[in-house]
Amino acid sequence: MRWLDLCFMHWPVPPAAVQATLPDGVEVDTRGGQAYVGVVPFRMADVAPRLVPAVPGLSAFPELNLRTYVTVNGEPGVWFYSLDVTQPLAAALARTFFHLPYRQARMWVDRQGDVTRYASIRTDLRTGPGAFAGAYRPTGPLLTPAPDSLEAWLTDRLRLFSAAPDGRVFRGRIHHAAWPLRRAQADVRVNTLGDGYGFDLGGQPHLLHAGRLDVTAWWLDRVR
């Protein structure tokens, strides 16, 4: 798959507030005693199994994530609270095979020059209502984050974790080259994605932008 015009928007959140939302066996990950919750708008393209051509209408769509960072058995990764998309079949397949909370939404994305304008209203309310509207753009040159930097800690995650309804926890592995990160500017007008979890995502977030990243993902394996 390919990720396009992506913006990492991160807010600091008390670790106890994050831990209260996680299932047994999943521990909040922190940096300097601080947890982070991220809102990540972007576009997906060329989504298809390896060696299978992309299908028009099914392989390209916008996606909007609400996520945090966790460890399972000491292994760091990403935990998703919601993944909003416009493609109902893609959402259903991801819920079934990856145990991820994909939800259908009405979404609008427009790019003019280096500015991406993005709006989303969730229509599948199983994880509660959620809306987002804003605009963002990259600024400055490409970054080379140090391995111990906050930028690397927030983005250099090659595993995700998810849980089935019966409580089983799964791990998914992904692979990609280094993120083409730049600093970013954003104007967030609406953001209710964290409201249902009690997260205060107001104020100025930490911002990073990536124009394009090619990604390979593998099937889940159960964490034992």
Protein backbone atom coordinates (compact mmCIF):
# COMPACT_ATOMS: atom_id res chain seq x y z
CA MET A 1 0.00 0.00 0.00
CA ARG A 2 0.98 3.64 -0.29
CA TRP A 3 0.36 6.39 2.26
CA LEU A 4 0.06 9.93 0.90
CA ASP A 5 -0.13 13.47 2.32
CA LEU A 6 0.04 12.25 5.91
CA CYS A 7 0.15 14.48 8.96
CA PHE A 8 1.06 13.29 12.46
CA MET A 9 -0.78 15.40 15.03
CA HIS A 10 0.13 14.44 18.60
CA TRP A 11 -1.08 15.70 21.96
CA PRO A 12 0.36 14.79 25.39
CA VAL A 13 -2.14 12.89 27.54
CA PRO A 14 -1.73 11.62 31.13
CA PRO A 15 -0.61 7.96 31.04
CA ALA A 16 -3.34 6.91 33.49
CA ALA A 17 -6.00 8.29 31.15
CA VAL A 18 -4.63 6.19 28.29
CA GLN A 19 -4.12 3.04 30.38
CA ALA A 20 -7.77 3.15 31.47
CA THR A 21 -8.81 2.65 27.83
CA LEU A 22 -6.58 -0.37 27.11
CA PRO A 23 -7.39 -4.08 27.52
CA ASP A 24 -5.57 -6.48 29.81
CA GLY A 25 -2.07 -7.27 28.64
CA VAL A 26 -1.62 -3.98 26.77
CA GLU A 27 0.42 -1.33 28.59
CA VAL A 28 0.63 2.36 27.76
CA ASP A 29 4.04 3.37 26.40
CA THR A 30 5.50 6.65 27.64
CA ARG A 31 8.37 8.97 26.92
CA GLY A 32 9.70 10.91 29.86
CA GLY A 33 6.64 9.85 31.84
CA GLN A 34 4.28 11.27 29.20
CA ALA A 35 1.81 9.40 26.97
CA TYR A 36 0.75 10.70 23.56
CA VAL A 37 -2.43 10.38 21.51
CA GLY A 38 -2.28 11.03 17.79
CA VAL A 39 -4.72 12.03 15.07
CA VAL A 40 -3.36 11.03 11.65
CA PRO A 41 -5.15 12.06 8.43
CA PHE A 42 -3.82 10.72 5.12
CA ARG A 43 -4.76 9.00 1.87
CA MET A 44 -4.35 5.31 1.05
CA ALA A 45 -3.48 4.16 -2.48
CA ASP A 46 -2.65 0.88 -4.22
CA VAL A 47 -4.01 -1.20 -1.34
CA ALA A 48 -3.89 -4.85 -2.45
CA PRO A 49 -2.38 -8.22 -1.54
CA ARG A 50 1.15 -8.72 -2.80
CA LEU A 51 1.34 -9.70 -6.49
CA VAL A 52 -2.33 -8.73 -6.96
CA PRO A 53 -3.14 -5.54 -8.90
CA ALA A 54 -5.01 -2.74 -7.19
CA VAL A 55 -8.77 -2.68 -7.83
CA PRO A 56 -10.24 0.67 -8.90
CA GLY A 57 -12.69 1.94 -6.30
CA LEU A 58 -11.43 -0.43 -3.60
CA SER A 59 -7.72 0.33 -3.37
CA ALA A 60 -7.64 4.10 -2.85
CA PHE A 61 -9.46 6.05 -0.14
CA PRO A 62 -8.85 8.55 2.67
CA GLU A 63 -8.17 7.28 6.17
CA LEU A 64 -8.21 9.06 9.53
CA ASN A 65 -6.71 7.40 12.61
CA LEU A 66 -6.90 7.97 16.35
CA ARG A 67 -3.97 6.15 17.96
CA THR A 68 -1.65 5.85 20.92
CA TYR A 69 1.52 3.92 21.76
CA VAL A 70 1.73 0.76 23.82
CA THR A 71 3.85 -2.22 24.74
CA VAL A 72 2.83 -5.87 24.86
CA ASN A 73 5.25 -8.21 26.61
CA GLY A 74 7.75 -5.35 26.43
CA GLU A 75 7.41 -4.99 22.65
CA PRO A 76 6.48 -1.45 21.48
CA GLY A 77 3.80 -0.74 18.90
CA VAL A 78 0.74 1.27 17.90
CA TRP A 79 -2.75 0.90 19.36
CA PHE A 80 -5.66 2.19 17.26
CA TYR A 81 -8.85 3.53 18.81
CA SER A 82 -10.50 4.20 15.46
CA LEU A 83 -9.68 4.11 11.75
CA ASP A 84 -12.24 6.03 9.69
CA VAL A 85 -12.53 5.36 5.95
CA THR A 86 -15.01 5.87 3.13
CA GLN A 87 -14.68 2.33 1.75
CA PRO A 88 -17.14 -0.05 3.48
CA LEU A 89 -15.66 -3.26 2.08
CA ALA A 90 -12.14 -2.33 3.17
CA ALA A 91 -13.48 -1.49 6.64
CA ALA A 92 -15.31 -4.81 6.93
CA LEU A 93 -12.30 -6.84 5.82
CA ALA A 94 -9.96 -5.04 8.24
CA ARG A 95 -12.36 -5.56 11.14
CA THR A 96 -12.65 -9.26 10.34
CA PHE A 97 -9.05 -10.17 9.61
CA PHE A 98 -7.09 -7.59 11.62
CA HIS A 99 -9.45 -6.98 14.56
CA LEU A 100 -9.05 -3.25 14.01
CA PRO A 101 -11.84 -0.72 14.73
CA TYR A 102 -12.33 0.47 11.16
CA ARG A 103 -15.42 2.64 10.80
CA GLN A 104 -17.17 4.09 7.79
CA ALA A 105 -17.31 7.86 7.50
CA ARG A 106 -18.18 10.65 5.10
CA MET A 107 -14.87 12.24 4.15
CA TRP A 108 -13.61 15.03 1.93
CA VAL A 109 -9.98 15.63 0.97
CA ASP A 110 -8.55 18.29 -1.31
CA ARG A 111 -4.95 19.22 -2.04
CA GLN A 112 -3.96 22.56 -3.54
CA GLY A 113 -0.25 23.10 -3.86
CA ASP A 114 1.29 21.78 -0.65
CA VAL A 115 -1.86 22.36 1.45
CA THR A 116 -4.15 19.41 2.24
CA ARG A 117 -7.67 20.18 3.44
CA TYR A 118 -9.36 17.30 5.22
CA ALA A 119 -12.80 16.75 6.74
CA SER A 120 -14.49 13.64 8.16
CA ILE A 121 -17.73 12.75 9.95
CA ARG A 122 -18.10 9.17 11.21
CA THR A 123 -21.32 7.42 10.17
CA ASP A 124 -20.62 4.04 11.81
CA LEU A 125 -21.07 4.89 15.48
CA ARG A 126 -19.94 1.65 17.13
CA THR A 127 -17.01 3.55 18.62
CA GLY A 128 -19.11 6.67 19.15
CA PRO A 129 -19.30 9.84 17.06
CA GLY A 130 -16.17 11.45 15.69
CA ALA A 131 -15.51 14.42 13.46
CA PHE A 132 -12.43 16.22 12.19
CA ALA A 133 -11.82 19.23 9.96
CA GLY A 134 -8.57 21.00 9.30
CA ALA A 135 -5.81 21.89 6.88
CA TYR A 136 -2.09 21.16 7.01
CA ARG A 137 1.10 21.61 5.03
CA PRO A 138 4.79 20.66 5.30
CA THR A 139 7.39 23.26 6.21
CA GLY A 140 11.15 23.19 6.04
CA PRO A 141 13.57 20.54 4.80
CA LEU A 142 13.48 16.79 5.30
CA LEU A 143 14.38 15.71 8.82
CA THR A 144 16.72 12.98 9.98
CA PRO A 145 15.45 12.34 13.51
CA ALA A 146 17.94 10.99 16.00
CA PRO A 147 17.03 7.50 17.25
CA ASP A 148 16.40 8.85 20.76
CA SER A 149 14.30 11.84 19.60
CA LEU A 150 10.59 12.38 20.20
CA GLU A 151 10.06 12.42 16.43
CA ALA A 152 11.50 8.91 16.10
CA TRP A 153 9.60 7.66 19.15
CA LEU A 154 6.28 8.85 17.72
CA THR A 155 6.76 7.53 14.17
CA ASP A 156 9.25 4.66 14.10
CA ARG A 157 6.76 1.92 14.99
CA LEU A 158 6.80 -1.22 12.86
CA ARG A 159 4.16 -3.13 14.82
CA LEU A 160 0.52 -2.67 15.66
CA PHE A 161 -1.53 -4.46 18.27
CA SER A 162 -5.23 -5.21 18.25
CA ALA A 163 -7.68 -7.24 20.30
CA ALA A 164 -10.48 -9.61 19.31
CA PRO A 165 -13.87 -9.37 21.07
CA ASP A 166 -12.91 -12.35 23.26
CA GLY A 167 -9.83 -10.51 24.56
CA ARG A 168 -7.14 -12.25 22.52
CA VAL A 169 -4.38 -9.81 21.58
CA PHE A 170 -2.76 -9.87 18.14
CA ARG A 171 0.32 -8.31 16.59
CA GLY A 172 0.72 -7.05 13.03
CA ARG A 173 4.08 -6.28 11.46
CA ILE A 174 4.74 -3.68 8.78
CA HIS A 175 7.79 -2.67 6.81
CA HIS A 176 8.75 0.59 5.13
CA ALA A 177 11.74 2.82 4.46
CA ALA A 178 12.56 5.74 6.73
CA TRP A 179 9.76 8.30 7.04
CA PRO A 180 10.24 11.36 4.77
CA LEU A 181 9.41 13.66 7.66
CA ARG A 182 9.17 17.45 7.63
CA ARG A 183 7.91 19.92 10.17
CA ALA A 184 4.33 20.95 9.53
CA GLN A 185 1.77 23.67 10.11
CA ALA A 186 -1.89 22.89 10.74
CA ASP A 187 -5.17 24.66 11.36
CA VAL A 188 -7.50 22.23 13.16
CA ARG A 189 -11.06 23.58 13.24
CA VAL A 190 -12.92 20.48 14.49
CA ASN A 191 -11.57 17.49 16.40
CA THR A 192 -13.91 15.34 18.47
CA LEU A 193 -12.16 12.00 17.84
CA GLY A 194 -10.87 11.71 21.40
CA ASP A 195 -13.99 12.90 23.20
CA GLY A 196 -15.41 9.42 23.80
CA TYR A 197 -12.23 8.40 25.62
CA GLY A 198 -11.98 11.52 27.76
CA PHE A 199 -8.87 12.78 25.94
CA ASP A 200 -8.29 16.51 25.83
CA LEU A 201 -6.92 17.08 22.33
CA GLY A 202 -7.11 20.85 22.41
CA GLY A 203 -4.26 23.27 22.02
CA GLN A 204 -1.39 23.14 19.58
CA PRO A 205 -0.27 19.60 18.68
CA HIS A 206 3.20 18.36 17.83
CA LEU A 207 3.19 18.22 14.01
CA LEU A 208 5.06 16.21 11.40
CA HIS A 209 4.30 15.68 7.69
CA ALA A 210 5.14 12.89 5.26
CA GLY A 211 4.36 13.19 1.56
CA ARG A 212 4.57 9.55 0.49
CA LEU A 213 5.52 6.22 2.02
CA ASP A 214 5.32 2.75 0.48
CA VAL A 215 4.33 0.14 3.07
CA THR A 216 4.13 -3.65 3.25
CA ALA A 217 2.02 -5.32 5.94
CA TRP A 218 1.82 -8.94 7.08
CA TRP A 219 -1.04 -10.97 8.51
CA LEU A 220 -1.55 -10.95 12.26
CA ASP A 221 -0.08 -13.41 14.70
CA ARG A 222 -1.44 -14.01 18.17
CA VAL A 223 0.56 -12.65 21.08
CA ARG A 224 1.04 -15.45 23.62
